[in-house]
Amino acid sequence: MAKEFTQNVIGIEINEEYIMLSQINEKDESYILTQSKQINMPPRAIIDGLIADPETIADQISTTIEDGDFDATNIVIALNSNDFLKKTTISNHIPLAETQLKIENLCQPSPLLQNKEFQVSFQKFSPKKKQNEEKNESENDEKKETKDKDIILYAALHNELIDNLEDLAKSLDMNLVSIDLIPLGTLRALQWQTNTKKETNLLIAFDYNFIDINFTYKNNILLARTLRNNIETLEEEELRLDAYITTIKQLFLEFSNKYPEFPLPTKATYHSRNIKPDILLNQIAKDLNITFTEHNIKQTVTLKNQELTEEKINKINNLFLPSIGLALKYYEPVNKTLSLTKVKKQLAPIFKKETLIKSGLIFSLIIGAILATNVYITTQINSIETKLSLTKNQINIIQSGNKRGQKTQLGSLRKTIEFYEEIRSQKDSKYLFFYNLISILPNDITFTSLTFNENKQVSLKGSALFQDSIYTFFSELEKRYSKVTLSKITTKKEQKRTINTFTIEFDWKRK
């Protein structure tokens, strides 16, 4: 049965003791927590990091959704365990395929993934480096900045766990938007709708079995590290507490060495699930001169129930912020953060039936015209090829026959060949040029101009939502044409969206 279209979503966090459900509704770019629920997990429901009986867990979730005020049909799921990898690395600009291979090679040695098939995902951030040290704020900084490296945040999860969660989603009979990671969900919630000021920040999430630490700049992750251990007894174990404090100090030193162009963070935001690690935070604040602020859930979402006490709000913040972050993945642009599985969003029914039928007829006519034109051009090219072959055969016959009159006949036939070659060049190359250009064009790139001169030098100007698309397009052109150059990419804001403009020039000569 077809699922009803809804604009809301449920984030589902599963751990060994509980299932956390958080439903988010979007209205006028405001994100509202309409319902949240905690479900007890049956004993030994998770064995060796996998859900032992997905159907039983699905029945529990379905019953809670039906009995409660949940009405969403979209879900984002994550299993809260330590079987994930989340790190950062620095790389020169390379094509996406090479980046994918590099990330897989970095993940392979991890004990969490050894001898297992796994999925990786990554996102790139290209920091801007000023070419001179003058700090005249009245000048246009964008014209003085170049990008010479990529900072890559990547994550990995083994396929067995992904398949396990997909089996659970199938049993729920709901639209699985994505499988995510708990640290990514919490990070998304901490950064949601925050100002992207030009300053570095520290974001720390204290979960049940790990501490996730992120150094950020304009909501981009520069350095990430996960410390894995049960933190409930952290402050009771003096040696382990000292080790964690030392590790965090070393992270600050590593950040300074890797990114001398960025100042050390002086502000930090943290979220804690069960305990507030006062001793650790106070010691770090004192030693590193940094101010810690606990995250407030109202900075992320609006609460439907406005009459909740502060104690109740704090409890919701502690328990449900990760699952809220999972749900918010539904509303963010594709590729904004990591996606270990393909994001599957429901599409709204925006056309009336009558309009759809009329549009379909018009679209069919346009496609028919394009196909007819394609057939005609192909036929003409084949016809010219046939005439060229016949003419060349005539030359061979004349050359093998009587010498008398050969010169005149050959001269005439050579002119015919030149004529056909010119026609073939014009019809074949122009048609194939545009066909090949469109076939390698990423979906988010649009052209603003396309020009070429008598020397077959082509200049393309366009814009893209994602810089990776520009580099992908550039790499594909390099494989096909000569002297391909990519001019400086300029980033600007248009109607609250980031647009990347670029210019590519190349010679219209196939390699």
Protein backbone atom coordinates (compact mmCIF):
# COMPACT_ATOMS: atom_id res chain seq x y z
CA MET A 1 0.00 0.00 0.00
CA ALA A 2 1.32 3.46 -0.89
CA LYS A 3 2.45 5.50 2.09
CA GLU A 4 0.77 8.84 2.81
CA PHE A 5 3.03 11.83 2.18
CA THR A 6 4.10 13.65 5.36
CA GLN A 7 6.47 16.53 6.08
CA ASN A 8 7.52 15.15 9.47
CA VAL A 9 10.04 12.54 10.54
CA ILE A 10 10.92 10.32 13.50
CA GLY A 11 14.50 9.94 14.69
CA ILE A 12 15.06 6.50 16.24
CA GLU A 13 18.02 5.81 18.54
CA ILE A 14 18.51 2.22 19.70
CA ASN A 15 20.87 1.22 22.52
CA GLU A 16 21.17 -1.79 24.79
CA GLU A 17 18.67 -0.44 27.34
CA TYR A 18 16.29 1.91 25.54
CA ILE A 19 14.77 3.01 22.25
CA MET A 20 14.43 6.79 21.90
CA LEU A 21 11.82 8.21 19.50
CA SER A 22 11.69 11.91 18.57
CA GLN A 23 9.24 13.32 16.02
CA ILE A 24 10.03 16.62 14.31
CA ASN A 25 7.55 18.67 12.27
CA GLU A 26 8.62 21.55 10.02
CA LYS A 27 6.46 24.65 9.66
CA ASP A 28 7.61 27.92 8.06
CA GLU A 29 11.28 26.95 8.51
CA SER A 30 10.65 26.30 12.20
CA TYR A 31 11.40 22.81 13.52
CA ILE A 32 9.06 21.58 16.25
CA LEU A 33 9.53 18.62 18.58
CA THR A 34 5.95 17.33 18.63
CA GLN A 35 6.49 14.02 20.40
CA SER A 36 9.21 12.04 22.20
CA LYS A 37 9.09 8.63 23.80
CA GLN A 38 11.45 6.26 25.61
CA ILE A 39 10.89 2.49 25.23
CA ASN A 40 12.53 -0.21 27.33
CA MET A 41 14.58 -2.75 25.38
CA PRO A 42 14.04 -6.47 26.15
CA PRO A 43 17.01 -8.35 27.68
CA ARG A 44 19.76 -9.43 25.29
CA ALA A 45 18.08 -7.64 22.39
CA ILE A 46 21.52 -6.58 21.13
CA ILE A 47 24.17 -9.29 20.80
CA ASP A 48 27.67 -8.66 19.43
CA GLY A 49 26.68 -5.17 18.33
CA LEU A 50 23.65 -6.29 16.28
CA ILE A 51 19.90 -6.37 16.93
CA ALA A 52 19.18 -10.05 17.62
CA ASP A 53 15.50 -9.98 16.58
CA PRO A 54 14.66 -6.97 14.36
CA GLU A 55 11.01 -8.04 13.96
CA THR A 56 10.36 -8.04 17.71
CA ILE A 57 11.94 -4.60 18.13
CA ALA A 58 9.95 -3.36 15.12
CA ASP A 59 6.71 -4.55 16.78
CA GLN A 60 7.57 -2.59 19.94
CA ILE A 61 8.29 0.57 17.95
CA SER A 62 5.16 0.18 15.80
CA THR A 63 2.96 -0.29 18.87
CA THR A 64 4.39 2.84 20.51
CA ILE A 65 3.91 4.89 17.33
CA GLU A 66 0.31 3.70 16.91
CA ASP A 67 -0.62 4.25 20.57
CA GLY A 68 1.10 7.64 20.84
CA ASP A 69 0.69 10.88 18.93
CA PHE A 70 3.23 9.94 16.26
CA ASP A 71 1.99 10.35 12.69
CA ALA A 72 5.20 10.53 10.62
CA THR A 73 5.99 7.93 7.97
CA ASN A 74 9.67 8.92 7.56
CA ILE A 75 12.37 7.55 9.86
CA VAL A 76 16.12 7.97 10.43
CA ILE A 77 17.73 5.17 12.47
CA ALA A 78 21.00 4.75 14.35
CA LEU A 79 22.30 2.10 16.73
CA ASN A 80 24.18 3.61 19.67
CA SER A 81 27.33 1.51 19.85
CA ASN A 82 31.09 1.92 19.52
CA ASP A 83 31.26 0.07 16.19
CA PHE A 84 31.75 3.19 14.10
CA LEU A 85 34.68 5.18 12.78
CA LYS A 86 34.64 9.00 12.61
CA LYS A 87 37.81 10.97 11.87
CA THR A 88 39.32 13.83 9.86
CA THR A 89 42.23 14.00 7.44
CA ILE A 90 43.89 16.59 5.18
CA SER A 91 44.35 16.08 1.44
CA ASN A 92 45.24 17.97 -1.71
CA HIS A 93 42.51 18.54 -4.30
CA ILE A 94 41.85 15.19 -5.98
CA PRO A 95 38.83 13.77 -7.88
CA LEU A 96 36.02 12.19 -5.87
CA ALA A 97 36.87 8.65 -6.99
CA GLU A 98 40.45 9.03 -5.74
CA THR A 99 39.18 10.56 -2.49
CA GLN A 100 36.85 7.60 -1.98
CA LEU A 101 39.75 5.17 -2.46
CA LYS A 102 41.96 7.16 -0.09
CA ILE A 103 39.30 7.15 2.65
CA GLU A 104 38.73 3.41 2.26
CA ASN A 105 42.48 2.81 2.64
CA LEU A 106 42.51 4.96 5.80
CA CYS A 107 39.60 2.99 7.28
CA GLN A 108 40.88 -0.48 6.44
CA PRO A 109 43.51 -0.79 9.25
CA SER A 110 40.97 0.11 11.97
CA PRO A 111 40.30 -2.79 14.40
CA LEU A 112 36.60 -1.89 14.16
CA LEU A 113 36.52 -2.70 10.44
CA GLN A 114 39.25 -5.28 9.85
CA ASN A 115 38.09 -8.37 7.93
CA LYS A 116 34.69 -6.74 7.40
CA GLU A 117 32.97 -5.13 4.45
CA PHE A 118 32.07 -1.54 5.27
CA GLN A 119 30.52 1.63 3.88
CA VAL A 120 32.31 4.99 4.02
CA SER A 121 31.08 8.52 3.60
CA PHE A 122 32.93 11.82 3.60
CA GLN A 123 32.55 15.55 3.12
CA LYS A 124 35.14 18.11 2.11
CA PHE A 125 35.86 21.56 3.44
CA SER A 126 38.32 23.76 1.54
CA PRO A 127 39.67 26.47 3.86
CA LYS A 128 40.53 29.81 2.33
CA LYS A 129 44.09 31.04 2.59
CA LYS A 130 44.81 34.72 2.09
CA GLN A 131 47.54 35.53 -0.36
CA ASN A 132 48.71 38.55 1.62
CA GLU A 133 48.65 39.43 5.27
CA GLU A 134 46.96 42.82 4.97
CA LYS A 135 43.80 42.91 7.05
CA ASN A 136 41.87 45.74 5.48
CA GLU A 137 38.27 44.81 6.21
CA SER A 138 36.94 47.29 3.66
CA GLU A 139 38.52 45.33 0.81
CA ASN A 140 36.88 42.36 -0.84
CA ASP A 141 38.45 39.36 0.93
CA GLU A 142 36.90 36.87 -1.48
CA LYS A 143 39.17 38.12 -4.28
CA LYS A 144 42.27 37.60 -2.16
CA GLU A 145 41.63 34.04 -1.10
CA THR A 146 42.69 30.75 -2.65
CA LYS A 147 42.02 27.16 -1.69
CA ASP A 148 44.92 24.74 -1.75
CA LYS A 149 43.78 21.79 0.39
CA ASP A 150 40.76 19.81 1.50
CA ILE A 151 39.88 18.97 5.09
CA ILE A 152 37.88 15.75 4.96
CA LEU A 153 35.53 14.49 7.65
CA TYR A 154 34.83 10.81 7.09
CA ALA A 155 32.93 8.01 8.79
CA ALA A 156 32.55 4.28 8.29
CA LEU A 157 30.18 1.55 9.43
CA HIS A 158 30.35 -2.16 8.65
CA ASN A 159 27.80 -3.60 6.22
CA GLU A 160 26.47 -6.20 8.65
CA LEU A 161 25.14 -3.47 10.94
CA ILE A 162 23.72 -1.48 8.02
CA ASP A 163 21.88 -4.60 6.76
CA ASN A 164 20.65 -5.25 10.31
CA LEU A 165 19.10 -1.78 10.59
CA GLU A 166 17.61 -2.03 7.09
CA ASP A 167 15.87 -5.27 8.13
CA LEU A 168 14.41 -3.41 11.10
CA ALA A 169 13.16 -0.60 8.83
CA LYS A 170 11.50 -3.11 6.46
CA SER A 171 9.66 -4.66 9.39
CA LEU A 172 8.41 -1.19 10.39
CA ASP A 173 7.01 -0.62 6.86
CA MET A 174 8.04 3.05 6.96
CA ASN A 175 10.13 5.21 4.64
CA LEU A 176 13.77 4.82 5.74
CA VAL A 177 15.35 8.18 4.98
CA SER A 178 18.84 7.19 6.09
CA ILE A 179 20.95 5.15 8.50
CA ASP A 180 23.08 7.51 10.57
CA LEU A 181 25.56 7.59 13.45
CA ILE A 182 24.72 8.83 16.96
CA PRO A 183 27.74 11.21 17.13
CA LEU A 184 26.71 12.71 13.78
CA GLY A 185 23.13 13.14 15.01
CA THR A 186 24.27 14.91 18.18
CA LEU A 187 26.69 17.06 16.20
CA ARG A 188 23.91 18.04 13.79
CA ALA A 189 21.66 19.05 16.70
CA LEU A 190 24.42 21.13 18.31
CA GLN A 191 25.06 23.02 15.06
CA TRP A 192 21.47 23.32 13.83
CA GLN A 193 20.53 26.90 12.87
CA THR A 194 23.64 28.33 14.53
CA ASN A 195 25.44 31.36 13.14
CA THR A 196 28.48 30.50 11.03
CA LYS A 197 30.79 33.14 12.46
CA LYS A 198 34.43 33.25 11.42
CA GLU A 199 35.73 31.75 14.63
CA THR A 200 36.76 28.32 15.82
CA ASN A 201 34.60 26.46 18.32
CA LEU A 202 34.81 23.28 20.33
CA LEU A 203 31.81 20.92 20.45
CA ILE A 204 31.87 17.98 22.88
CA ALA A 205 29.22 15.26 23.23
CA PHE A 206 29.35 13.06 26.35
CA ASP A 207 27.41 9.91 25.45
CA TYR A 208 27.01 6.71 27.44
CA ASN A 209 30.09 4.96 26.03
CA PHE A 210 32.13 7.64 24.29
CA ILE A 211 33.16 11.29 24.20
CA ASP A 212 32.97 12.87 20.75
CA ILE A 213 35.22 15.95 20.34
CA ASN A 214 35.02 18.31 17.34
CA PHE A 215 36.96 21.47 16.47
CA THR A 216 34.80 23.52 14.09
CA TYR A 217 35.03 26.61 11.92
CA LYS A 218 31.85 28.05 10.37
CA ASN A 219 30.14 24.71 11.15
CA ASN A 220 32.81 22.75 9.25
CA ILE A 221 34.73 20.06 11.14
CA LEU A 222 38.49 20.68 11.20
CA LEU A 223 39.52 18.01 13.71
CA ALA A 224 37.47 15.17 15.20
CA ARG A 225 38.34 12.57 17.80
CA THR A 226 36.31 9.93 19.66
CA LEU A 227 37.35 8.69 23.12
CA ARG A 228 35.66 5.35 23.78
CA ASN A 229 34.82 4.23 27.31
CA ASN A 230 31.99 4.21 29.80
CA ILE A 231 31.93 7.76 31.15
CA GLU A 232 29.46 7.18 34.03
CA THR A 233 32.35 6.30 36.34
CA LEU A 234 34.89 8.59 34.66
CA GLU A 235 35.29 11.02 37.55
CA GLU A 236 35.55 8.18 40.06
CA GLU A 237 38.69 6.82 38.35
CA GLU A 238 41.43 9.38 38.88
CA LEU A 239 43.97 7.83 36.51
CA ARG A 240 41.51 7.58 33.63
CA LEU A 241 40.29 11.12 34.26
CA ASP A 242 43.87 12.43 34.12
CA ALA A 243 44.47 10.47 30.91
CA TYR A 244 41.39 12.04 29.26
CA ILE A 245 42.44 15.54 30.33
CA THR A 246 45.92 14.95 28.89
CA THR A 247 44.44 13.60 25.63
CA ILE A 248 42.24 16.68 25.20
CA LYS A 249 45.24 18.95 25.80
CA GLN A 250 47.17 17.02 23.16
CA LEU A 251 44.27 17.56 20.75
CA PHE A 252 44.66 21.32 21.18
CA LEU A 253 48.36 20.97 20.39
CA GLU A 254 47.56 18.84 17.33
CA PHE A 255 45.05 21.45 16.17
CA SER A 256 47.68 24.21 16.47
CA ASN A 257 50.21 22.21 14.46
CA LYS A 258 47.79 21.25 11.69
CA TYR A 259 45.99 24.58 11.40
CA PRO A 260 48.29 27.47 12.32
CA GLU A 261 46.04 29.79 10.31
CA PHE A 262 43.12 29.17 12.71
CA PRO A 263 43.09 30.51 16.29
CA LEU A 264 42.55 28.08 19.14
CA PRO A 265 38.93 27.96 20.31
CA THR A 266 38.09 29.99 23.39
CA LYS A 267 34.43 28.89 23.56
CA ALA A 268 33.02 25.39 23.81
CA THR A 269 29.53 23.88 23.79
CA TYR A 270 28.87 20.49 25.33
CA HIS A 271 26.00 18.03 25.67
CA SER A 272 25.83 15.25 28.25
CA ARG A 273 23.46 12.27 28.32
CA ASN A 274 23.52 11.22 31.96
CA ILE A 275 26.15 12.99 34.06
CA LYS A 276 27.74 16.41 33.98
CA PRO A 277 31.52 15.85 34.09
CA ASP A 278 32.26 18.94 36.18
CA ILE A 279 35.78 17.95 37.25
CA LEU A 280 36.94 17.31 33.67
CA LEU A 281 35.32 20.47 32.28
CA ASN A 282 36.60 22.69 35.08
CA GLN A 283 40.15 21.40 34.69
CA ILE A 284 40.14 21.86 30.89
CA ALA A 285 38.63 25.34 31.25
CA LYS A 286 41.33 26.31 33.72
CA ASP A 287 44.31 24.82 31.85
CA LEU A 288 43.30 25.93 28.34
CA ASN A 289 41.49 29.20 29.10
CA ILE A 290 38.24 28.10 27.48
CA THR A 291 34.63 28.80 28.46
CA PHE A 292 32.16 25.88 28.47
CA THR A 293 28.41 26.31 27.87
CA GLU A 294 25.87 23.51 28.13
CA HIS A 295 23.68 23.19 25.05
CA ASN A 296 20.04 24.24 25.39
CA ILE A 297 17.56 22.20 23.37
CA LYS A 298 15.61 25.37 22.53
CA GLN A 299 18.55 26.47 20.38
CA THR A 300 17.87 23.45 18.15
CA VAL A 301 14.09 22.98 18.05
CA THR A 302 10.86 24.51 19.32
CA LEU A 303 9.00 22.47 21.92
CA LYS A 304 5.32 21.89 21.13
CA ASN A 305 4.46 21.84 24.83
CA GLN A 306 5.37 25.33 26.06
CA GLU A 307 4.35 24.60 29.67
CA LEU A 308 7.16 22.18 30.51
CA THR A 309 9.23 22.83 33.61
CA GLU A 310 12.96 23.47 33.30
CA GLU A 311 13.62 20.08 34.89
CA LYS A 312 11.52 18.35 32.23
CA ILE A 313 13.17 20.36 29.44
CA ASN A 314 16.62 19.39 30.72
CA LYS A 315 15.58 15.73 30.80
CA ILE A 316 14.37 15.91 27.19
CA ASN A 317 17.63 17.60 26.23
CA ASN A 318 19.76 14.91 27.89
CA LEU A 319 17.82 11.90 26.64
CA PHE A 320 16.51 12.89 23.23
CA LEU A 321 18.96 15.35 21.64
CA PRO A 322 20.75 12.61 19.60
CA SER A 323 17.47 11.24 18.18
CA ILE A 324 16.35 14.82 17.47
CA GLY A 325 19.58 15.27 15.52
CA LEU A 326 18.83 12.07 13.60
CA ALA A 327 15.39 13.39 12.63
CA LEU A 328 16.81 16.74 11.49
CA LYS A 329 18.79 14.92 8.79
CA TYR A 330 15.53 14.78 6.82
CA TYR A 331 15.45 18.57 6.51
CA GLU A 332 19.05 19.32 5.63
CA PRO A 333 20.30 19.60 2.02
CA VAL A 334 21.57 16.37 0.48
CA ASN A 335 25.33 15.93 1.02
CA LYS A 336 25.47 18.62 3.71
CA THR A 337 26.60 15.99 6.20
CA LEU A 338 27.75 12.41 5.90
CA SER A 339 25.32 9.79 4.60
CA LEU A 340 26.31 6.15 5.01
CA THR A 341 23.28 5.12 2.95
CA LYS A 342 21.53 6.91 0.12
CA VAL A 343 19.11 9.53 1.48
CA LYS A 344 15.53 8.66 0.46
CA LYS A 345 13.09 11.52 0.94
CA GLN A 346 9.43 11.41 0.01
CA LEU A 347 8.46 13.80 -2.76
CA ALA A 348 5.42 15.99 -2.28
CA PRO A 349 2.51 15.61 -4.75
CA ILE A 350 2.87 19.09 -6.23
CA PHE A 351 0.89 18.54 -9.48
CA LYS A 352 -2.81 18.16 -10.06
CA LYS A 353 -3.82 15.14 -12.12
CA GLU A 354 -5.08 17.22 -15.08
CA THR A 355 -1.93 19.35 -15.10
CA LEU A 356 0.23 16.24 -14.92
CA ILE A 357 -1.53 14.69 -17.95
CA LYS A 358 -1.15 17.87 -20.02
CA SER A 359 2.48 18.24 -19.00
CA GLY A 360 3.08 14.59 -19.85
CA LEU A 361 1.69 15.05 -23.36
CA ILE A 362 3.82 18.15 -23.96
CA PHE A 363 6.88 16.40 -22.55
CA SER A 364 6.23 13.38 -24.79
CA LEU A 365 6.02 15.63 -27.86
CA ILE A 366 9.30 17.34 -26.93
CA ILE A 367 11.04 13.99 -26.37
CA GLY A 368 9.63 12.74 -29.67
CA ALA A 369 10.98 15.78 -31.50
CA ILE A 370 14.40 15.33 -29.90
CA LEU A 371 14.48 11.64 -30.85
CA ALA A 372 13.38 12.42 -34.41
CA THR A 373 16.11 15.05 -34.71
CA ASN A 374 18.63 12.59 -33.31
CA VAL A 375 17.59 9.93 -35.84
CA TYR A 376 17.75 12.46 -38.70
CA ILE A 377 21.24 13.65 -37.73
CA THR A 378 22.46 10.07 -37.31
CA THR A 379 20.99 9.15 -40.70
CA GLN A 380 22.68 12.12 -42.34
CA ILE A 381 26.03 11.23 -40.76
CA ASN A 382 25.69 7.60 -41.89
CA SER A 383 24.72 8.77 -45.38
CA ILE A 384 27.82 10.95 -45.60
CA GLU A 385 29.99 8.09 -44.32
CA THR A 386 28.55 5.85 -47.07
CA LYS A 387 29.20 8.46 -49.75
CA LEU A 388 32.77 8.87 -48.51
CA SER A 389 33.35 5.12 -48.74
CA LEU A 390 31.92 4.96 -52.25
CA THR A 391 34.05 7.88 -53.39
CA LYS A 392 37.20 6.31 -51.93
CA ASN A 393 36.36 3.04 -53.72
CA GLN A 394 36.04 4.95 -56.97
CA ILE A 395 39.53 6.37 -56.43
CA ASN A 396 40.94 2.88 -55.93
CA ILE A 397 39.26 1.67 -59.15
CA ILE A 398 40.55 4.64 -61.14
CA GLN A 399 44.09 4.22 -59.78
CA SER A 400 44.15 0.57 -60.77
CA GLY A 401 42.74 1.24 -64.27
CA ASN A 402 43.76 3.23 -67.36
CA LYS A 403 46.10 6.15 -66.70
CA ARG A 404 44.28 8.30 -69.22
CA GLY A 405 42.03 10.87 -67.58
CA GLN A 406 43.02 9.76 -64.05
CA LYS A 407 44.29 13.18 -63.05
CA THR A 408 41.04 14.94 -63.90
CA GLN A 409 38.87 12.26 -62.29
CA LEU A 410 40.97 12.06 -59.12
CA GLY A 411 40.98 15.83 -58.75
CA SER A 412 37.19 15.90 -58.96
CA LEU A 413 36.81 13.06 -56.45
CA ARG A 414 39.24 14.65 -53.98
CA LYS A 415 37.10 17.81 -54.01
CA THR A 416 34.07 15.62 -53.33
CA ILE A 417 35.84 13.97 -50.38
CA GLU A 418 36.87 17.34 -48.95
CA PHE A 419 33.29 18.54 -49.28
CA TYR A 420 31.91 15.46 -47.49
CA GLU A 421 34.62 15.61 -44.80
CA GLU A 422 33.71 19.22 -44.06
CA ILE A 423 30.02 18.37 -43.76
CA ARG A 424 30.77 15.34 -41.57
CA SER A 425 33.03 17.41 -39.29
CA GLN A 426 30.39 20.09 -38.82
CA LYS A 427 27.44 17.75 -38.21
CA ASP A 428 29.24 15.08 -36.25
CA SER A 429 31.46 17.15 -33.95
CA LYS A 430 28.95 19.83 -32.94
CA TYR A 431 26.26 17.30 -32.16
CA LEU A 432 28.59 15.00 -30.25
CA PHE A 433 30.27 17.90 -28.46
CA PHE A 434 27.05 19.03 -26.78
CA TYR A 435 25.88 15.47 -26.25
CA ASN A 436 29.13 14.49 -24.49
CA LEU A 437 29.19 17.74 -22.50
CA ILE A 438 25.72 17.14 -21.08
CA SER A 439 26.43 13.45 -20.38
CA ILE A 440 29.22 14.33 -17.89
CA LEU A 441 27.50 17.34 -16.32
CA PRO A 442 26.65 16.96 -12.57
CA ASN A 443 23.02 17.64 -11.69
CA ASP A 444 23.65 20.79 -9.64
CA ILE A 445 25.71 22.66 -12.28
CA THR A 446 24.11 25.25 -14.57
CA PHE A 447 25.80 27.23 -17.33
CA THR A 448 25.63 31.01 -17.51
CA SER A 449 27.57 31.22 -20.79
CA LEU A 450 29.32 29.00 -23.34
CA THR A 451 31.52 30.55 -26.04
CA PHE A 452 34.12 29.29 -28.53
CA ASN A 453 36.22 30.95 -31.22
CA GLU A 454 37.59 29.99 -34.63
CA ASN A 455 40.54 28.22 -32.98
CA LYS A 456 38.06 25.93 -31.18
CA GLN A 457 38.90 27.37 -27.76
CA VAL A 458 35.89 26.92 -25.46
CA SER A 459 35.06 29.04 -22.42
CA LEU A 460 32.42 27.80 -19.96
CA LYS A 461 31.01 29.89 -17.12
CA GLY A 462 28.63 28.35 -14.63
CA SER A 463 27.52 27.86 -11.06
CA ALA A 464 27.10 24.88 -8.73
CA LEU A 465 25.68 24.15 -5.30
CA PHE A 466 28.63 21.96 -4.34
CA GLN A 467 32.31 22.54 -5.08
CA ASP A 468 32.87 18.79 -5.44
CA SER A 469 30.64 18.87 -8.53
CA ILE A 470 32.91 21.48 -10.12
CA TYR A 471 36.01 19.38 -9.50
CA THR A 472 34.23 16.27 -10.84
CA PHE A 473 33.20 18.09 -14.02
CA PHE A 474 36.72 19.47 -14.42
CA SER A 475 38.22 15.98 -14.07
CA GLU A 476 35.86 14.54 -16.70
CA LEU A 477 36.76 17.32 -19.14
CA GLU A 478 40.47 16.65 -18.57
CA LYS A 479 39.94 13.05 -19.68
CA ARG A 480 38.38 14.16 -22.98
CA TYR A 481 39.91 17.48 -24.07
CA SER A 482 43.22 19.32 -24.19
CA LYS A 483 44.48 22.30 -22.19
CA VAL A 484 41.65 22.22 -19.62
CA THR A 485 42.01 24.96 -17.00
CA LEU A 486 39.80 25.78 -14.02
CA SER A 487 39.73 29.40 -12.92
CA LYS A 488 39.22 30.49 -9.33
CA ILE A 489 35.98 29.35 -7.70
CA THR A 490 34.00 32.15 -6.04
CA THR A 491 31.48 31.45 -3.28
CA LYS A 492 28.56 33.76 -2.59
CA LYS A 493 25.16 33.73 -0.90
CA GLU A 494 21.97 34.01 -2.93
CA GLN A 495 18.58 33.73 -1.23
CA LYS A 496 20.10 31.96 1.81
CA ARG A 497 21.83 29.43 -0.47
CA THR A 498 25.54 29.04 -1.14
CA ILE A 499 26.40 29.32 -4.84
CA ASN A 500 29.84 28.51 -6.27
CA THR A 501 30.66 30.22 -9.59
CA PHE A 502 33.50 29.08 -11.84
CA THR A 503 35.08 29.36 -15.28
CA ILE A 504 36.55 26.45 -17.26
CA GLU A 505 38.46 26.85 -20.52
CA PHE A 506 39.71 24.13 -22.87
CA ASP A 507 40.57 23.36 -26.48
CA TRP A 508 37.90 21.57 -28.48
CA LYS A 509 40.32 18.82 -29.42
CA ARG A 510 39.73 15.26 -28.36
CA LYS A 511 42.57 13.46 -26.64
